[in-house]
Protein backbone atom coordinates (compact mmCIF):
# COMPACT_ATOMS: atom_id res chain seq x y z
CA MET A 1 73.46 107.28 149.36
CA THR A 2 77.14 107.49 150.15
CA LYS A 3 78.98 108.72 153.21
CA PRO A 4 82.08 110.85 152.78
CA GLY A 5 85.37 109.89 154.34
CA GLY A 6 86.21 106.97 156.59
CA CYS A 7 87.78 103.62 155.96
CA ASN A 8 85.88 100.58 154.83
CA PRO A 9 85.46 97.84 157.43
CA PRO A 10 88.11 95.26 156.54
CA ALA A 11 86.77 92.51 154.32
CA LEU A 12 88.17 89.09 155.06
CA GLU A 13 90.83 87.80 152.71
CA VAL A 14 92.02 84.24 153.34
CA LEU A 15 91.52 81.43 155.80
CA PHE A 16 94.29 80.41 158.14
CA PRO A 17 95.84 77.09 157.05
CA SER A 18 94.44 75.34 160.14
CA ASP A 19 90.93 76.26 159.01
CA SER A 20 91.23 74.58 155.63
CA PRO A 21 88.24 72.39 154.79
CA PRO A 22 88.40 68.66 154.12
CA PRO A 23 89.00 67.69 150.47
CA ILE A 24 85.97 68.19 148.25
CA VAL A 25 84.17 64.93 147.55
CA PHE A 26 81.44 65.18 144.97
CA GLU A 27 78.56 63.19 146.32
CA GLN A 28 76.69 60.41 144.58
CA PRO A 29 73.06 59.69 145.41
CA THR A 30 72.69 56.87 147.94
CA LEU A 31 69.92 54.34 148.07
CA ASN A 32 67.20 55.05 150.60
CA ASP A 33 64.24 52.84 151.41
CA ASP A 34 62.08 55.96 151.88
CA SER A 35 61.32 56.86 148.27
CA SER A 36 59.70 60.13 149.39
CA THR A 37 63.02 61.50 150.63
CA PRO A 38 64.83 63.46 147.90
CA GLU A 39 68.40 62.27 147.33
CA THR A 40 69.58 65.10 145.08
CA LEU A 41 69.13 68.85 145.05
CA GLU A 42 67.38 68.66 141.69
CA GLN A 43 64.82 66.21 143.08
CA ALA A 44 64.23 68.33 146.18
CA LEU A 45 63.64 71.41 144.02
CA LEU A 46 61.26 69.43 141.83
CA ASP A 47 59.36 68.14 144.85
CA ALA A 48 58.97 71.74 146.08
CA ASN A 49 57.80 72.90 142.63
CA LEU A 50 60.69 75.34 142.34
CA GLN A 51 62.09 76.29 138.95
CA ILE A 52 65.67 77.55 138.96
CA GLU A 53 68.13 78.00 136.10
CA PRO A 54 70.46 74.97 135.64
CA GLY A 55 73.58 77.07 136.24
CA GLN A 56 72.13 78.38 139.47
CA ILE A 57 71.21 74.86 140.59
CA GLU A 58 74.82 73.79 140.08
CA LEU A 59 76.08 76.75 142.11
CA LEU A 60 73.49 76.13 144.84
CA ASP A 61 74.63 72.52 145.07
CA ARG A 62 78.27 73.55 145.34
CA TYR A 63 77.31 75.95 148.12
CA ARG A 64 75.36 73.20 149.89
CA GLN A 65 78.27 70.77 149.68
CA SER A 66 80.70 73.35 151.02
CA LEU A 67 78.35 74.39 153.83
CA TRP A 68 77.73 70.80 154.93
CA ARG A 69 81.47 70.02 154.89
CA TRP A 70 82.20 72.99 157.10
CA ASN A 71 79.26 72.11 159.32
CA GLU A 72 81.14 69.02 160.45
CA GLN A 73 83.69 71.34 162.08
CA LEU A 74 81.52 74.28 163.12
CA ASN A 75 77.82 74.55 163.92
CA LEU A 76 76.50 76.51 160.92
CA THR A 77 73.18 74.91 160.01
CA ARG A 78 70.62 72.33 161.09
CA HIS A 79 69.34 71.96 157.55
CA THR A 80 71.50 69.01 156.54
CA THR A 81 69.07 67.15 154.31
CA PHE A 82 68.09 68.10 150.78
CA GLU A 83 64.49 68.49 151.91
CA LYS A 84 65.36 70.94 154.70
CA PHE A 85 67.93 72.81 152.64
CA VAL A 86 65.39 73.47 149.90
CA GLY A 87 62.30 73.81 152.11
CA ARG A 88 63.92 76.33 154.45
CA ASP A 89 67.05 77.93 152.99
CA VAL A 90 66.18 78.03 149.29
CA VAL A 91 62.47 78.80 149.74
CA ASP A 92 63.16 81.59 152.24
CA THR A 93 65.71 83.11 149.87
CA LEU A 94 63.47 82.94 146.80
CA GLU A 95 60.56 84.53 148.69
CA LEU A 96 62.89 87.29 149.84
CA ALA A 97 64.27 87.76 146.32
CA LYS A 98 60.76 88.56 145.03
CA LEU A 99 60.77 91.70 147.18
CA LEU A 100 64.10 93.11 145.99
CA PRO A 101 64.15 95.37 142.92
CA LYS A 102 66.88 94.88 140.36
CA GLY A 103 70.30 96.14 141.35
CA GLU A 104 69.52 96.80 145.01
CA ARG A 105 72.33 97.16 147.52
CA VAL A 106 71.71 94.53 150.16
CA LEU A 107 73.38 93.79 153.49
CA ASP A 108 72.70 90.45 155.18
CA ILE A 109 73.12 91.04 158.91
CA GLY A 110 74.34 88.08 160.94
CA THR A 111 74.64 85.80 157.92
CA GLY A 112 75.80 82.74 159.90
CA GLY A 113 76.60 80.17 157.22
CA GLY A 114 75.56 82.48 154.38
CA VAL A 115 71.76 82.39 154.40
CA PRO A 116 70.15 84.35 152.93
CA GLY A 117 73.04 86.50 151.66
CA LEU A 118 75.07 84.03 149.61
CA LEU A 119 71.96 82.34 148.24
CA LEU A 120 70.65 85.74 147.13
CA ALA A 121 73.92 86.33 145.30
CA ILE A 122 73.50 82.98 143.54
CA CYS A 123 69.80 83.28 142.67
CA ARG A 124 69.81 87.04 141.96
CA PRO A 125 73.22 87.94 140.49
CA ASP A 126 71.89 91.42 139.64
CA LEU A 127 71.86 92.32 143.35
CA ARG A 128 74.86 93.94 145.04
CA VAL A 129 75.14 91.75 148.12
CA LYS A 130 77.35 92.16 151.17
CA VAL A 131 77.19 90.10 154.35
CA SER A 132 78.24 90.71 157.93
CA GLU A 133 79.01 88.16 160.65
CA SER A 134 80.53 89.10 164.00
CA THR A 135 81.52 85.54 164.97
CA GLN A 136 85.01 85.34 163.51
CA LYS A 137 85.07 81.59 162.84
CA LYS A 138 81.79 81.76 160.94
CA ALA A 139 82.93 84.83 159.01
CA ARG A 140 86.10 83.01 157.90
CA VAL A 141 84.01 80.08 156.69
CA VAL A 142 81.69 82.37 154.72
CA GLN A 143 84.69 84.06 153.14
CA ALA A 144 86.12 80.66 152.22
CA ILE A 145 82.85 79.67 150.54
CA VAL A 146 82.69 82.99 148.70
CA LYS A 147 86.22 82.42 147.41
CA GLU A 148 85.54 78.80 146.46
CA LEU A 149 82.38 79.69 144.54
CA GLN A 150 83.86 82.96 143.17
CA LEU A 151 80.82 84.94 144.31
CA PRO A 152 80.91 88.76 144.03
CA VAL A 153 80.11 89.16 147.72
CA GLU A 154 82.02 91.22 150.29
CA VAL A 155 82.24 89.71 153.77
CA PHE A 156 82.56 91.88 156.86
CA ALA A 157 83.83 90.15 160.00
CA CYS A 158 82.10 92.57 162.36
CA ARG A 159 78.70 93.62 163.62
CA ALA A 160 76.27 95.18 161.16
CA GLU A 161 76.28 98.42 163.16
CA GLU A 162 79.98 98.87 162.37
CA VAL A 163 79.33 98.39 158.66
CA LEU A 164 76.48 100.92 158.76
CA GLU A 165 78.81 103.53 160.20
CA LEU A 166 80.65 103.60 156.87
CA LYS A 167 78.47 102.01 154.19
CA THR A 168 74.95 102.64 152.90
CA PHE A 169 72.38 100.17 151.55
CA ASP A 170 68.91 100.01 150.09
CA THR A 171 67.83 97.02 152.17
CA LEU A 172 69.01 95.09 155.20
CA VAL A 173 67.94 91.44 155.35
CA ALA A 174 68.11 88.91 158.15
CA ARG A 175 66.89 85.47 159.16
CA ALA A 176 67.13 83.76 162.56
CA VAL A 177 69.49 86.40 163.96
CA ALA A 178 67.57 87.72 166.96
CA SER A 179 64.13 88.78 168.13
CA LEU A 180 62.54 91.78 166.44
CA TRP A 181 63.12 94.19 169.32
CA LYS A 182 66.82 93.35 169.47
CA ILE A 183 67.33 93.93 165.75
CA LEU A 184 65.45 97.24 165.91
CA THR A 185 67.61 98.31 168.87
CA TRP A 186 70.79 97.50 166.96
CA VAL A 187 69.86 99.47 163.85
CA GLU A 188 67.95 102.33 165.51
CA PRO A 189 70.87 104.81 165.32
CA HIS A 190 71.62 103.94 161.68
CA TRP A 191 68.40 104.50 159.70
CA ALA A 192 70.16 107.18 157.65
CA ALA A 193 72.38 104.43 156.21
CA PHE A 194 69.60 102.26 154.73
CA ASP A 195 65.99 102.46 153.55
CA ARG A 196 64.27 99.36 154.94
CA LEU A 197 64.54 96.08 156.79
CA LEU A 198 63.27 92.77 155.43
CA LEU A 199 63.13 90.13 158.16
CA ILE A 200 62.23 86.47 157.69
CA LYS A 201 60.21 85.37 160.72
CA GLY A 202 58.28 82.32 161.88
CA GLN A 203 54.99 81.87 163.68
CA ARG A 204 56.03 83.93 166.72
CA TRP A 205 56.29 87.15 164.72
CA VAL A 206 53.09 88.61 166.24
CA GLU A 207 54.46 88.06 169.74
CA GLU A 208 57.76 89.66 168.71
CA ARG A 209 55.91 92.66 167.26
CA GLY A 210 54.06 93.09 170.54
CA GLU A 211 57.33 93.07 172.48
CA ALA A 212 58.85 95.66 170.13
CA ARG A 213 55.79 97.90 170.52
CA HIS A 214 55.91 97.54 174.30
CA ARG A 215 59.51 98.79 174.21
CA GLY A 216 58.56 101.78 172.07
CA LEU A 217 60.67 100.67 169.12
CA LEU A 218 57.92 100.95 166.48
CA LYS A 219 56.77 104.49 167.27
CA HIS A 220 58.25 106.07 164.18
CA LEU A 221 58.36 102.99 161.98
CA GLN A 222 55.89 101.29 159.68
CA LEU A 223 55.79 97.49 159.87
CA ARG A 224 53.85 95.35 157.43
CA LYS A 225 53.75 91.76 156.22
CA ALA A 226 55.37 91.80 152.80
CA ALA A 227 54.98 88.05 152.22
CA THR A 228 53.39 84.99 153.78
CA TYR A 229 54.19 81.45 152.68
CA LEU A 230 54.27 77.83 153.85
CA THR A 231 57.32 75.61 154.14
CA PRO A 232 56.85 72.95 151.41
CA GLY A 233 55.23 69.77 152.69
CA THR A 234 54.26 71.32 156.04
CA ASP A 235 51.71 73.68 157.56
CA MET A 236 54.50 75.89 159.00
CA GLU A 237 53.90 79.50 158.03
CA SER A 238 56.70 81.99 157.56
CA VAL A 239 56.42 85.71 156.96
CA ILE A 240 58.69 88.45 155.66
CA LEU A 241 58.28 91.68 157.60
CA SER A 242 59.04 94.96 155.86
CA ILE A 243 60.02 97.79 158.21
CA CYS A 244 60.85 101.36 157.24
CA PRO A 245 60.58 104.86 158.73
CA ALA A 246 56.96 106.06 158.81
CA ALA A 247 58.05 109.49 157.57
CA ALA A 248 59.48 107.95 154.41
CA VAL A 249 56.17 106.17 153.70
CA GLU A 250 54.18 109.37 154.27
CA GLY A 251 56.50 111.29 151.97
CA SER A 252 56.13 108.67 149.27
CA ILE A 253 52.33 108.87 149.47
CA LYS A 254 52.32 112.69 149.29
CA GLY A 255 54.63 112.60 146.28
CA LYS A 256 52.22 110.50 144.24
């Protein structure tokens, strides 16, 4: 799907000099009396039983280092241990990646520090990933990380609704952006610009679904659980909700 005419929302180009990050310091593992706490990304991935290509592990670690450096200046993430980075950011991204066919056009709405968008670009280089972030400082940081890691990701420093006015996608993805009803309200006028939503949600997803139904936002949509999984080492359950127009689902069934 493509829309004729119009200008592309301006992608960010460079950081202002005052926003330059501290010098890169490649970290060495430090001794820790708690032997159960992973001290490297490789160990954390091993502990979580995750298998990732060596080149992707290196790129993930460079992303992590850059994100944590920037986090000292701007609140981007609370996942500042290897265990949390892998157990939340990497696991969420890999579960999401399982649901995306090869070559899909993906927009991460409200990417924050780059999760899941930048991690998808690292773990699934076949995807065509773009990210949007309306908070200008965060968007500049994400652009700086994209440039540092040389990722083929376009960054839009604006709300997702503005991007959807001019661009089209197969799938929109989001994590920890807003409650379900708010996201559905934002994208409601723009369903012609994308096919489905994939939302990473925690244990309150049923409550959020009820609120969205109460507001009448699911009348013409189909919502289903596309994935359910536990955060490694915990009993915390996460889900990925798949949402698309009900008419599209009915048409797909009739066409079979």
